[in-house]
């Protein structure tokens, strides 16, 4: 929990507020700089299937994440990006690609 709080504080201090590409890039960069924490998140998600305590802890974190990111869709996007970066970082999108993809998707909706 302490590591998550430290990451949250670091992200808050490094995240520019004006450019969405930069905000997403700061989050994406954390997949490399705090890889062990993100891997632990995935491992905990698997453990949550058999542990009500772990499940509640993760659920609380997701509620906070939704609030901090501005909703469920950005949290889902973050989770998907995390998986891409942990599994195949050489081909995972950066902040500019994420925003370009969102803008493209928005025009089709």
PDB file of N, CA and C in Angstrom:
ATOM      1  N   UNK A   1       0.828  -1.192   0.000  1.00  0.00           N
ATOM      2  CA  UNK A   1       0.000   0.000   0.000  1.00  0.00           C
ATOM      3  C   UNK A   1       0.868   1.250   0.000  1.00  0.00           C
ATOM      4  N   UNK A   2       1.934   1.220   0.754  1.00  0.00           N
ATOM      5  CA  UNK A   2       2.838   2.358   0.822  1.00  0.00           C
ATOM      6  C   UNK A   2       3.445   2.655  -0.551  1.00  0.00           C
ATOM      7  N   UNK A   3       3.792   1.608  -1.299  1.00  0.00           N
ATOM      8  CA  UNK A   3       4.371   1.800  -2.629  1.00  0.00           C
ATOM      9  C   UNK A   3       3.373   2.458  -3.568  1.00  0.00           C
ATOM     10  N   UNK A   4       2.110   2.098  -3.445  1.00  0.00           N
ATOM     11  CA  UNK A   4       1.064   2.710  -4.277  1.00  0.00           C
ATOM     12  C   UNK A   4       0.925   4.189  -3.938  1.00  0.00           C
ATOM     13  N   UNK A   5       0.951   4.500  -2.662  1.00  0.00           N
ATOM     14  CA  UNK A   5       0.859   5.901  -2.240  1.00  0.00           C
ATOM     15  C   UNK A   5       2.050   6.702  -2.765  1.00  0.00           C
ATOM     16  N   UNK A   6       3.242   6.111  -2.688  1.00  0.00           N
ATOM     17  CA  UNK A   6       4.432   6.795  -3.196  1.00  0.00           C
ATOM     18  C   UNK A   6       4.324   7.042  -4.694  1.00  0.00           C
ATOM     19  N   UNK A   7       3.855   6.045  -5.437  1.00  0.00           N
ATOM     20  CA  UNK A   7       3.682   6.213  -6.876  1.00  0.00           C
ATOM     21  C   UNK A   7       2.648   7.297  -7.157  1.00  0.00           C
ATOM     22  N   UNK A   8       1.554   7.302  -6.439  1.00  0.00           N
ATOM     23  CA  UNK A   8       0.522   8.324  -6.640  1.00  0.00           C
ATOM     24  C   UNK A   8       1.080   9.726  -6.427  1.00  0.00           C
ATOM     25  N   UNK A   9       1.860   9.891  -5.372  1.00  0.00           N
ATOM     26  CA  UNK A   9       2.471  11.196  -5.104  1.00  0.00           C
ATOM     27  C   UNK A   9       3.446  11.586  -6.203  1.00  0.00           C
ATOM     28  N   UNK A  10       4.247  10.621  -6.645  1.00  0.00           N
ATOM     29  CA  UNK A  10       5.209  10.901  -7.720  1.00  0.00           C
ATOM     30  C   UNK A  10       4.491  11.293  -9.002  1.00  0.00           C
ATOM     31  N   UNK A  11       3.450  10.555  -9.352  1.00  0.00           N
ATOM     32  CA  UNK A  11       2.697  10.867 -10.569  1.00  0.00           C
ATOM     33  C   UNK A  11       2.058  12.239 -10.482  1.00  0.00           C
ATOM     34  N   UNK A  12       1.520  12.572  -9.324  1.00  0.00           N
ATOM     35  CA  UNK A  12       0.901  13.890  -9.146  1.00  0.00           C
ATOM     36  C   UNK A  12       1.911  15.007  -9.325  1.00  0.00           C
ATOM     37  N   UNK A  13       3.135  14.788  -8.873  1.00  0.00           N
ATOM     38  CA  UNK A  13       4.149  15.834  -8.982  1.00  0.00           C
ATOM     39  C   UNK A  13       4.716  15.944 -10.399  1.00  0.00           C
ATOM     40  N   UNK A  14       4.658  14.864 -11.177  1.00  0.00           N
ATOM     41  CA  UNK A  14       5.241  14.863 -12.517  1.00  0.00           C
ATOM     42  C   UNK A  14       4.229  15.088 -13.627  1.00  0.00           C
ATOM     43  N   UNK A  15       2.947  15.020 -13.328  1.00  0.00           N
ATOM     44  CA  UNK A  15       1.928  15.060 -14.364  1.00  0.00           C
ATOM     45  C   UNK A  15       1.560  16.491 -14.722  1.00  0.00           C
ATOM     46  N   UNK A  16       1.874  16.904 -15.952  1.00  0.00           N
ATOM     47  CA  UNK A  16       1.428  18.224 -16.397  1.00  0.00           C
ATOM     48  C   UNK A  16      -0.095  18.227 -16.561  1.00  0.00           C
ATOM     49  N   UNK A  17      -0.705  19.336 -16.325  1.00  0.00           N
ATOM     50  CA  UNK A  17      -2.166  19.363 -16.348  1.00  0.00           C
ATOM     51  C   UNK A  17      -2.754  19.806 -17.679  1.00  0.00           C
ATOM     52  N   UNK A  18      -1.940  20.263 -18.612  1.00  0.00           N
ATOM     53  CA  UNK A  18      -2.521  20.849 -19.819  1.00  0.00           C
ATOM     54  C   UNK A  18      -2.564  19.920 -21.029  1.00  0.00           C
ATOM     55  N   UNK A  19      -1.669  18.972 -21.162  1.00  0.00           N
ATOM     56  CA  UNK A  19      -1.626  18.135 -22.359  1.00  0.00           C
ATOM     57  C   UNK A  19      -1.944  16.681 -22.021  1.00  0.00           C
ATOM     58  N   UNK A  20      -3.037  16.154 -22.575  1.00  0.00           N
ATOM     59  CA  UNK A  20      -3.402  14.775 -22.253  1.00  0.00           C
ATOM     60  C   UNK A  20      -2.326  13.764 -22.672  1.00  0.00           C
ATOM     61  N   UNK A  21      -1.640  14.026 -23.783  1.00  0.00           N
ATOM     62  CA  UNK A  21      -0.577  13.119 -24.224  1.00  0.00           C
ATOM     63  C   UNK A  21       0.507  12.996 -23.156  1.00  0.00           C
ATOM     64  N   UNK A  22       0.852  14.108 -22.544  1.00  0.00           N
ATOM     65  CA  UNK A  22       1.880  14.095 -21.501  1.00  0.00           C
ATOM     66  C   UNK A  22       1.392  13.409 -20.234  1.00  0.00           C
ATOM     67  N   UNK A  23       0.136  13.645 -19.881  1.00  0.00           N
ATOM     68  CA  UNK A  23      -0.412  12.989 -18.685  1.00  0.00           C
ATOM     69  C   UNK A  23      -0.381  11.476 -18.845  1.00  0.00           C
ATOM     70  N   UNK A  24      -0.797  10.994 -20.022  1.00  0.00           N
ATOM     71  CA  UNK A  24      -0.772   9.548 -20.255  1.00  0.00           C
ATOM     72  C   UNK A  24       0.653   9.027 -20.325  1.00  0.00           C
ATOM     73  N   UNK A  25       1.559   9.807 -20.884  1.00  0.00           N
ATOM     74  CA  UNK A  25       2.942   9.341 -20.972  1.00  0.00           C
ATOM     75  C   UNK A  25       3.576   9.176 -19.590  1.00  0.00           C
ATOM     76  N   UNK A  26       3.250  10.074 -18.673  1.00  0.00           N
ATOM     77  CA  UNK A  26       3.761   9.941 -17.304  1.00  0.00           C
ATOM     78  C   UNK A  26       3.273   8.624 -16.688  1.00  0.00           C
ATOM     79  N   UNK A  27       1.995   8.304 -16.873  1.00  0.00           N
ATOM     80  CA  UNK A  27       1.473   7.032 -16.377  1.00  0.00           C
ATOM     81  C   UNK A  27       2.167   5.855 -17.047  1.00  0.00           C
ATOM     82  N   UNK A  28       2.314   5.931 -18.357  1.00  0.00           N
ATOM     83  CA  UNK A  28       2.958   4.857 -19.111  1.00  0.00           C
ATOM     84  C   UNK A  28       4.397   4.666 -18.656  1.00  0.00           C
ATOM     85  N   UNK A  29       5.099   5.749 -18.419  1.00  0.00           N
ATOM     86  CA  UNK A  29       6.485   5.647 -17.947  1.00  0.00           C
ATOM     87  C   UNK A  29       6.576   4.868 -16.635  1.00  0.00           C
ATOM     88  N   UNK A  30       5.548   4.976 -15.813  1.00  0.00           N
ATOM     89  CA  UNK A  30       5.572   4.269 -14.522  1.00  0.00           C
ATOM     90  C   UNK A  30       5.536   2.753 -14.697  1.00  0.00           C
ATOM     91  N   UNK A  31       5.078   2.266 -15.844  1.00  0.00           N
ATOM     92  CA  UNK A  31       5.088   0.823 -16.085  1.00  0.00           C
ATOM     93  C   UNK A  31       6.521   0.291 -16.139  1.00  0.00           C
ATOM     94  N   UNK A  32       7.457   1.152 -16.499  1.00  0.00           N
ATOM     95  CA  UNK A  32       8.871   0.776 -16.536  1.00  0.00           C
ATOM     96  C   UNK A  32       9.551   1.117 -15.211  1.00  0.00           C
ATOM     97  N   UNK A  33       9.348   2.334 -14.739  1.00  0.00           N
ATOM     98  CA  UNK A  33      10.059   2.774 -13.532  1.00  0.00           C
ATOM     99  C   UNK A  33       9.550   2.088 -12.265  1.00  0.00           C
ATOM    100  N   UNK A  34       8.301   1.619 -12.285  1.00  0.00           N
ATOM    101  CA  UNK A  34       7.708   0.943 -11.129  1.00  0.00           C
ATOM    102  C   UNK A  34       7.144  -0.421 -11.541  1.00  0.00           C
ATOM    103  N   UNK A  35       7.873  -1.098 -12.395  1.00  0.00           N
ATOM    104  CA  UNK A  35       7.406  -2.373 -12.949  1.00  0.00           C
ATOM    105  C   UNK A  35       6.989  -3.360 -11.860  1.00  0.00           C
ATOM    106  N   UNK A  36       7.785  -3.504 -10.826  1.00  0.00           N
ATOM    107  CA  UNK A  36       7.472  -4.478  -9.770  1.00  0.00           C
ATOM    108  C   UNK A  36       6.105  -4.197  -9.140  1.00  0.00           C
ATOM    109  N   UNK A  37       5.774  -2.938  -8.981  1.00  0.00           N
ATOM    110  CA  UNK A  37       4.486  -2.578  -8.408  1.00  0.00           C
ATOM    111  C   UNK A  37       3.342  -2.991  -9.331  1.00  0.00           C
ATOM    112  N   UNK A  38       3.497  -2.742 -10.625  1.00  0.00           N
ATOM    113  CA  UNK A  38       2.438  -3.099 -11.580  1.00  0.00           C
ATOM    114  C   UNK A  38       2.299  -4.615 -11.701  1.00  0.00           C
ATOM    115  N   UNK A  39       3.415  -5.332 -11.676  1.00  0.00           N
ATOM    116  CA  UNK A  39       3.349  -6.797 -11.707  1.00  0.00           C
ATOM    117  C   UNK A  39       2.643  -7.304 -10.449  1.00  0.00           C
ATOM    118  N   UNK A  40       2.940  -6.699  -9.322  1.00  0.00           N
ATOM    119  CA  UNK A  40       2.277  -7.085  -8.071  1.00  0.00           C
ATOM    120  C   UNK A  40       0.768  -6.852  -8.158  1.00  0.00           C
ATOM    121  N   UNK A  41       0.362  -5.800  -8.849  1.00  0.00           N
ATOM    122  CA  UNK A  41      -1.069  -5.544  -9.033  1.00  0.00           C
ATOM    123  C   UNK A  41      -1.727  -6.698  -9.788  1.00  0.00           C
ATOM    124  N   UNK A  42      -1.056  -7.169 -10.835  1.00  0.00           N
ATOM    125  CA  UNK A  42      -1.602  -8.293 -11.599  1.00  0.00           C
ATOM    126  C   UNK A  42      -1.650  -9.563 -10.761  1.00  0.00           C
ATOM    127  N   UNK A  43      -0.597  -9.809 -10.032  1.00  0.00           N
ATOM    128  CA  UNK A  43      -0.564 -10.992  -9.174  1.00  0.00           C
ATOM    129  C   UNK A  43      -1.665 -10.933  -8.119  1.00  0.00           C
ATOM    130  N   UNK A  44      -1.896  -9.756  -7.569  1.00  0.00           N
ATOM    131  CA  UNK A  44      -2.949  -9.587  -6.570  1.00  0.00           C
ATOM    132  C   UNK A  44      -4.327  -9.824  -7.180  1.00  0.00           C
ATOM    133  N   UNK A  45      -4.512  -9.418  -8.419  1.00  0.00           N
ATOM    134  CA  UNK A  45      -5.799  -9.634  -9.077  1.00  0.00           C
ATOM    135  C   UNK A  45      -6.102 -11.128  -9.192  1.00  0.00           C
ATOM    136  N   UNK A  46      -5.101 -11.916  -9.462  1.00  0.00           N
ATOM    137  CA  UNK A  46      -5.294 -13.366  -9.523  1.00  0.00           C
ATOM    138  C   UNK A  46      -5.597 -13.906  -8.124  1.00  0.00           C
ATOM    139  N   UNK A  47      -4.868 -13.457  -7.129  1.00  0.00           N
ATOM    140  CA  UNK A  47      -5.093 -13.907  -5.748  1.00  0.00           C
ATOM    141  C   UNK A  47      -6.483 -13.518  -5.247  1.00  0.00           C
ATOM    142  N   UNK A  48      -7.010 -12.418  -5.743  1.00  0.00           N
ATOM    143  CA  UNK A  48      -8.315 -11.934  -5.280  1.00  0.00           C
ATOM    144  C   UNK A  48      -9.431 -12.923  -5.557  1.00  0.00           C
ATOM    145  N   UNK A  49      -9.241 -13.806  -6.504  1.00  0.00           N
ATOM    146  CA  UNK A  49     -10.249 -14.815  -6.811  1.00  0.00           C
ATOM    147  C   UNK A  49     -10.507 -15.719  -5.599  1.00  0.00           C
ATOM    148  N   UNK A  50      -9.489 -15.908  -4.784  1.00  0.00           N
ATOM    149  CA  UNK A  50      -9.603 -16.822  -3.642  1.00  0.00           C
ATOM    150  C   UNK A  50      -9.452 -16.131  -2.282  1.00  0.00           C
ATOM    151  N   UNK A  51      -9.311 -14.820  -2.303  1.00  0.00           N
ATOM    152  CA  UNK A  51      -9.104 -14.111  -1.047  1.00  0.00           C
ATOM    153  C   UNK A  51     -10.006 -12.879  -0.966  1.00  0.00           C
ATOM    154  N   UNK A  52     -11.041 -12.953  -0.136  1.00  0.00           N
ATOM    155  CA  UNK A  52     -11.925 -11.791   0.014  1.00  0.00           C
ATOM    156  C   UNK A  52     -11.182 -10.545   0.497  1.00  0.00           C
ATOM    157  N   UNK A  53     -10.146 -10.727   1.315  1.00  0.00           N
ATOM    158  CA  UNK A  53      -9.393  -9.576   1.812  1.00  0.00           C
ATOM    159  C   UNK A  53      -8.639  -8.881   0.677  1.00  0.00           C
ATOM    160  N   UNK A  54      -8.003  -9.681  -0.160  1.00  0.00           N
ATOM    161  CA  UNK A  54      -7.277  -9.106  -1.301  1.00  0.00           C
ATOM    162  C   UNK A  54      -8.265  -8.455  -2.260  1.00  0.00           C
ATOM    163  N   UNK A  55      -9.393  -9.113  -2.480  1.00  0.00           N
ATOM    164  CA  UNK A  55     -10.414  -8.565  -3.378  1.00  0.00           C
ATOM    165  C   UNK A  55     -10.889  -7.199  -2.886  1.00  0.00           C
ATOM    166  N   UNK A  56     -11.167  -7.086  -1.601  1.00  0.00           N
ATOM    167  CA  UNK A  56     -11.641  -5.810  -1.055  1.00  0.00           C
ATOM    168  C   UNK A  56     -10.566  -4.737  -1.169  1.00  0.00           C
ATOM    169  N   UNK A  57      -9.327  -5.101  -0.910  1.00  0.00           N
ATOM    170  CA  UNK A  57      -8.219  -4.148  -1.035  1.00  0.00           C
ATOM    171  C   UNK A  57      -8.114  -3.628  -2.476  1.00  0.00           C
ATOM    172  N   UNK A  58      -8.182  -4.538  -3.437  1.00  0.00           N
ATOM    173  CA  UNK A  58      -8.114  -4.132  -4.843  1.00  0.00           C
ATOM    174  C   UNK A  58      -9.337  -3.322  -5.249  1.00  0.00           C
ATOM    175  N   UNK A  59     -10.500  -3.710  -4.769  1.00  0.00           N
ATOM    176  CA  UNK A  59     -11.721  -2.967  -5.100  1.00  0.00           C
ATOM    177  C   UNK A  59     -11.630  -1.533  -4.592  1.00  0.00           C
ATOM    178  N   UNK A  60     -11.101  -1.381  -3.390  1.00  0.00           N
ATOM    179  CA  UNK A  60     -10.925  -0.033  -2.829  1.00  0.00           C
ATOM    180  C   UNK A  60      -9.963   0.772  -3.706  1.00  0.00           C
ATOM    181  N   UNK A  61      -8.879   0.134  -4.133  1.00  0.00           N
ATOM    182  CA  UNK A  61      -7.922   0.798  -5.015  1.00  0.00           C
ATOM    183  C   UNK A  61      -8.537   1.182  -6.351  1.00  0.00           C
ATOM    184  N   UNK A  62      -9.397   0.309  -6.883  1.00  0.00           N
ATOM    185  CA  UNK A  62     -10.057   0.637  -8.149  1.00  0.00           C
ATOM    186  C   UNK A  62     -11.020   1.809  -7.987  1.00  0.00           C
ATOM    187  N   UNK A  63     -11.722   1.845  -6.881  1.00  0.00           N
ATOM    188  CA  UNK A  63     -12.624   2.988  -6.643  1.00  0.00           C
ATOM    189  C   UNK A  63     -11.823   4.291  -6.598  1.00  0.00           C
ATOM    190  N   UNK A  64     -10.692   4.256  -5.909  1.00  0.00           N
ATOM    191  CA  UNK A  64      -9.832   5.443  -5.848  1.00  0.00           C
ATOM    192  C   UNK A  64      -9.269   5.771  -7.233  1.00  0.00           C
ATOM    193  N   UNK A  65      -8.897   4.739  -7.983  1.00  0.00           N
ATOM    194  CA  UNK A  65      -8.370   4.944  -9.332  1.00  0.00           C
ATOM    195  C   UNK A  65      -9.394   5.574 -10.255  1.00  0.00           C
ATOM    196  N   UNK A  66     -10.635   5.093 -10.187  1.00  0.00           N
ATOM    197  CA  UNK A  66     -11.699   5.691 -11.006  1.00  0.00           C
ATOM    198  C   UNK A  66     -11.870   7.152 -10.676  1.00  0.00           C
ATOM    199  N   UNK A  67     -11.844   7.458  -9.389  1.00  0.00           N
ATOM    200  CA  UNK A  67     -12.003   8.848  -8.962  1.00  0.00           C
ATOM    201  C   UNK A  67     -10.834   9.696  -9.457  1.00  0.00           C
ATOM    202  N   UNK A  68      -9.630   9.198  -9.287  1.00  0.00           N
ATOM    203  CA  UNK A  68      -8.438   9.953  -9.663  1.00  0.00           C
ATOM    204  C   UNK A  68      -8.262  10.124 -11.167  1.00  0.00           C
ATOM    205  N   UNK A  69      -8.696   9.125 -11.926  1.00  0.00           N
ATOM    206  CA  UNK A  69      -8.522   9.190 -13.380  1.00  0.00           C
ATOM    207  C   UNK A  69      -9.713   9.810 -14.093  1.00  0.00           C
ATOM    208  N   UNK A  70     -10.832   9.935 -13.410  1.00  0.00           N
ATOM    209  CA  UNK A  70     -11.999  10.554 -14.034  1.00  0.00           C
ATOM    210  C   UNK A  70     -13.018   9.566 -14.555  1.00  0.00           C
ATOM    211  N   UNK A  71     -13.039   8.345 -14.043  1.00  0.00           N
ATOM    212  CA  UNK A  71     -14.079   7.398 -14.430  1.00  0.00           C
ATOM    213  C   UNK A  71     -13.559   6.008 -14.737  1.00  0.00           C
ATOM    214  N   UNK A  72     -14.505   5.141 -15.077  1.00  0.00           N
ATOM    215  CA  UNK A  72     -14.189   3.745 -15.349  1.00  0.00           C
ATOM    216  C   UNK A  72     -13.450   3.544 -16.667  1.00  0.00           C
ATOM    217  N   UNK A  73     -13.777   4.338 -17.658  1.00  0.00           N
ATOM    218  CA  UNK A  73     -13.131   4.154 -18.964  1.00  0.00           C
ATOM    219  C   UNK A  73     -11.633   4.458 -18.897  1.00  0.00           C
ATOM    220  N   UNK A  74     -11.210   5.572 -18.297  1.00  0.00           N
ATOM    221  CA  UNK A  74      -9.766   5.792 -18.186  1.00  0.00           C
ATOM    222  C   UNK A  74      -9.066   4.706 -17.357  1.00  0.00           C
ATOM    223  N   UNK A  75      -9.743   4.188 -16.325  1.00  0.00           N
ATOM    224  CA  UNK A  75      -9.145   3.112 -15.536  1.00  0.00           C
ATOM    225  C   UNK A  75      -8.990   1.851 -16.386  1.00  0.00           C
ATOM    226  N   UNK A  76      -9.993   1.537 -17.192  1.00  0.00           N
ATOM    227  CA  UNK A  76      -9.904   0.380 -18.083  1.00  0.00           C
ATOM    228  C   UNK A  76      -8.778   0.572 -19.100  1.00  0.00           C
ATOM    229  N   UNK A  77      -8.650   1.773 -19.610  1.00  0.00           N
ATOM    230  CA  UNK A  77      -7.577   2.077 -20.547  1.00  0.00           C
ATOM    231  C   UNK A  77      -6.214   1.897 -19.880  1.00  0.00           C
ATOM    232  N   UNK A  78      -6.090   2.390 -18.665  1.00  0.00           N
ATOM    233  CA  UNK A  78      -4.836   2.243 -17.927  1.00  0.00           C
ATOM    234  C   UNK A  78      -4.497   0.767 -17.716  1.00  0.00           C
ATOM    235  N   UNK A  79      -5.488  -0.029 -17.349  1.00  0.00           N
ATOM    236  CA  UNK A  79      -5.257  -1.459 -17.124  1.00  0.00           C
ATOM    237  C   UNK A  79      -4.795  -2.152 -18.404  1.00  0.00           C
ATOM    238  N   UNK A  80      -5.431  -1.830 -19.502  1.00  0.00           N
ATOM    239  CA  UNK A  80      -5.041  -2.419 -20.784  1.00  0.00           C
ATOM    240  C   UNK A  80      -3.646  -1.994 -21.218  1.00  0.00           C
ATOM    241  N   UNK A  81      -3.333  -0.733 -21.008  1.00  0.00           N
ATOM    242  CA  UNK A  81      -1.988  -0.248 -21.332  1.00  0.00           C
ATOM    243  C   UNK A  81      -0.942  -0.948 -20.476  1.00  0.00           C
ATOM    244  N   UNK A  82      -1.263  -1.123 -19.201  1.00  0.00           N
ATOM    245  CA  UNK A  82      -0.338  -1.799 -18.302  1.00  0.00           C
ATOM    246  C   UNK A  82      -0.024  -3.198 -18.825  1.00  0.00           C
ATOM    247  N   UNK A  83      -1.039  -3.934 -19.220  1.00  0.00           N
ATOM    248  CA  UNK A  83      -0.813  -5.281 -19.749  1.00  0.00           C
ATOM    249  C   UNK A  83       0.066  -5.247 -20.994  1.00  0.00           C
ATOM    250  N   UNK A  84      -0.223  -4.324 -21.887  1.00  0.00           N
ATOM    251  CA  UNK A  84       0.580  -4.225 -23.110  1.00  0.00           C
ATOM    252  C   UNK A  84       2.039  -3.922 -22.788  1.00  0.00           C
ATOM    253  N   UNK A  85       2.267  -2.992 -21.866  1.00  0.00           N
ATOM    254  CA  UNK A  85       3.629  -2.599 -21.526  1.00  0.00           C
ATOM    255  C   UNK A  85       4.386  -3.691 -20.781  1.00  0.00           C
ATOM    256  N   UNK A  86       3.700  -4.444 -19.945  1.00  0.00           N
ATOM    257  CA  UNK A  86       4.377  -5.505 -19.213  1.00  0.00           C
ATOM    258  C   UNK A  86       4.701  -6.693 -20.114  1.00  0.00           C
ATOM    259  N   UNK A  87       3.844  -6.968 -21.095  1.00  0.00           N
ATOM    260  CA  UNK A  87       4.031  -8.133 -21.957  1.00  0.00           C
ATOM    261  C   UNK A  87       4.872  -7.821 -23.193  1.00  0.00           C
ATOM    262  N   UNK A  88       4.654  -6.665 -23.807  1.00  0.00           N
ATOM    263  CA  UNK A  88       5.318  -6.367 -25.083  1.00  0.00           C
ATOM    264  C   UNK A  88       5.656  -4.878 -25.177  1.00  0.00           C
ATOM    265  N   UNK A  89       6.576  -4.413 -24.335  1.00  0.00           N
ATOM    266  CA  UNK A  89       6.854  -2.974 -24.282  1.00  0.00           C
ATOM    267  C   UNK A  89       7.382  -2.387 -25.591  1.00  0.00           C
ATOM    268  N   UNK A  90       8.018  -3.186 -26.411  1.00  0.00           N
ATOM    269  CA  UNK A  90       8.551  -2.659 -27.669  1.00  0.00           C
ATOM    270  C   UNK A  90       7.455  -2.268 -28.657  1.00  0.00           C
ATOM    271  N   UNK A  91       6.257  -2.784 -28.472  1.00  0.00           N
ATOM    272  CA  UNK A  91       5.170  -2.495 -29.403  1.00  0.00           C
ATOM    273  C   UNK A  91       3.969  -1.824 -28.731  1.00  0.00           C
ATOM    274  N   UNK A  92       4.101  -1.488 -27.469  1.00  0.00           N
ATOM    275  CA  UNK A  92       2.996  -0.849 -26.749  1.00  0.00           C
ATOM    276  C   UNK A  92       2.946   0.644 -27.082  1.00  0.00           C
ATOM    277  N   UNK A  93       1.749   1.230 -27.065  1.00  0.00           N
ATOM    278  CA  UNK A  93       1.617   2.644 -27.440  1.00  0.00           C
ATOM    279  C   UNK A  93       2.123   3.601 -26.371  1.00  0.00           C
ATOM    280  N   UNK A  94       2.544   4.756 -26.834  1.00  0.00           N
ATOM    281  CA  UNK A  94       2.923   5.854 -25.952  1.00  0.00           C
ATOM    282  C   UNK A  94       1.749   6.785 -25.764  1.00  0.00           C
ATOM    283  N   UNK A  95       1.962   7.848 -25.011  1.00  0.00           N
ATOM    284  CA  UNK A  95       0.905   8.796 -24.706  1.00  0.00           C
ATOM    285  C   UNK A  95       0.272   9.423 -25.934  1.00  0.00           C
ATOM    286  N   UNK A  96       1.094   9.809 -26.896  1.00  0.00           N
ATOM    287  CA  UNK A  96       0.561  10.439 -28.113  1.00  0.00           C
ATOM    288  C   UNK A  96      -0.306   9.458 -28.898  1.00  0.00           C
ATOM    289  N   UNK A  97       0.112   8.196 -28.952  1.00  0.00           N
ATOM    290  CA  UNK A  97      -0.684   7.187 -29.667  1.00  0.00           C
ATOM    291  C   UNK A  97      -2.005   6.915 -28.953  1.00  0.00           C
ATOM    292  N   UNK A  98      -1.978   6.927 -27.644  1.00  0.00           N
ATOM    293  CA  UNK A  98      -3.199   6.704 -26.873  1.00  0.00           C
ATOM    294  C   UNK A  98      -4.213   7.803 -27.186  1.00  0.00           C
ATOM    295  N   UNK A  99      -3.783   9.039 -27.125  1.00  0.00           N
ATOM    296  CA  UNK A  99      -4.698  10.150 -27.379  1.00  0.00           C
ATOM    297  C   UNK A  99      -5.170  10.151 -28.830  1.00  0.00           C
ATOM    298  N   UNK A 100      -4.281   9.868 -29.758  1.00  0.00           N
ATOM    299  CA  UNK A 100      -4.690   9.791 -31.166  1.00  0.00           C
ATOM    300  C   UNK A 100      -5.743   8.700 -31.351  1.00  0.00           C
ATOM    301  N   UNK A 101      -5.540   7.565 -30.702  1.00  0.00           N
ATOM    302  CA  UNK A 101      -6.517   6.478 -30.794  1.00  0.00           C
ATOM    303  C   UNK A 101      -7.850   6.844 -30.171  1.00  0.00           C
ATOM    304  N   UNK A 102      -7.816   7.524 -29.045  1.00  0.00           N
ATOM    305  CA  UNK A 102      -9.068   7.963 -28.414  1.00  0.00           C
ATOM    306  C   UNK A 102      -9.810   8.960 -29.288  1.00  0.00           C
ATOM    307  N   UNK A 103      -9.061   9.882 -29.880  1.00  0.00           N
ATOM    308  CA  UNK A 103      -9.705  10.867 -30.762  1.00  0.00           C
ATOM    309  C   UNK A 103     -10.327  10.187 -31.982  1.00  0.00           C
ATOM    310  N   UNK A 104      -9.617   9.217 -32.536  1.00  0.00           N
ATOM    311  CA  UNK A 104     -10.142   8.469 -33.677  1.00  0.00           C
ATOM    312  C   UNK A 104     -11.399   7.712 -33.289  1.00  0.00           C
ATOM    313  N   UNK A 105     -11.362   7.067 -32.139  1.00  0.00           N
ATOM    314  CA  UNK A 105     -12.527   6.333 -31.655  1.00  0.00           C
ATOM    315  C   UNK A 105     -13.700   7.288 -31.421  1.00  0.00           C
ATOM    316  N   UNK A 106     -13.442   8.427 -30.857  1.00  0.00           N
ATOM    317  CA  UNK A 106     -14.507   9.390 -30.552  1.00  0.00           C
ATOM    318  C   UNK A 106     -15.211   9.859 -31.821  1.00  0.00           C
ATOM    319  N   UNK A 107     -14.466  10.022 -32.912  1.00  0.00           N
ATOM    320  CA  UNK A 107     -15.100  10.463 -34.162  1.00  0.00           C
ATOM    321  C   UNK A 107     -16.005   9.382 -34.743  1.00  0.00           C
ATOM    322  N   UNK A 108     -15.724   8.117 -34.403  1.00  0.00           N
ATOM    323  CA  UNK A 108     -16.546   7.017 -34.919  1.00  0.00           C
ATOM    324  C   UNK A 108     -17.772   6.761 -34.049  1.00  0.00           C
ATOM    325  N   UNK A 109     -17.778   7.334 -32.853  1.00  0.00           N
ATOM    326  CA  UNK A 109     -18.939   7.140 -31.973  1.00  0.00           C
ATOM    327  C   UNK A 109     -19.973   8.153 -32.344  1.00  0.00           C
TER     328      UNK A 109
END
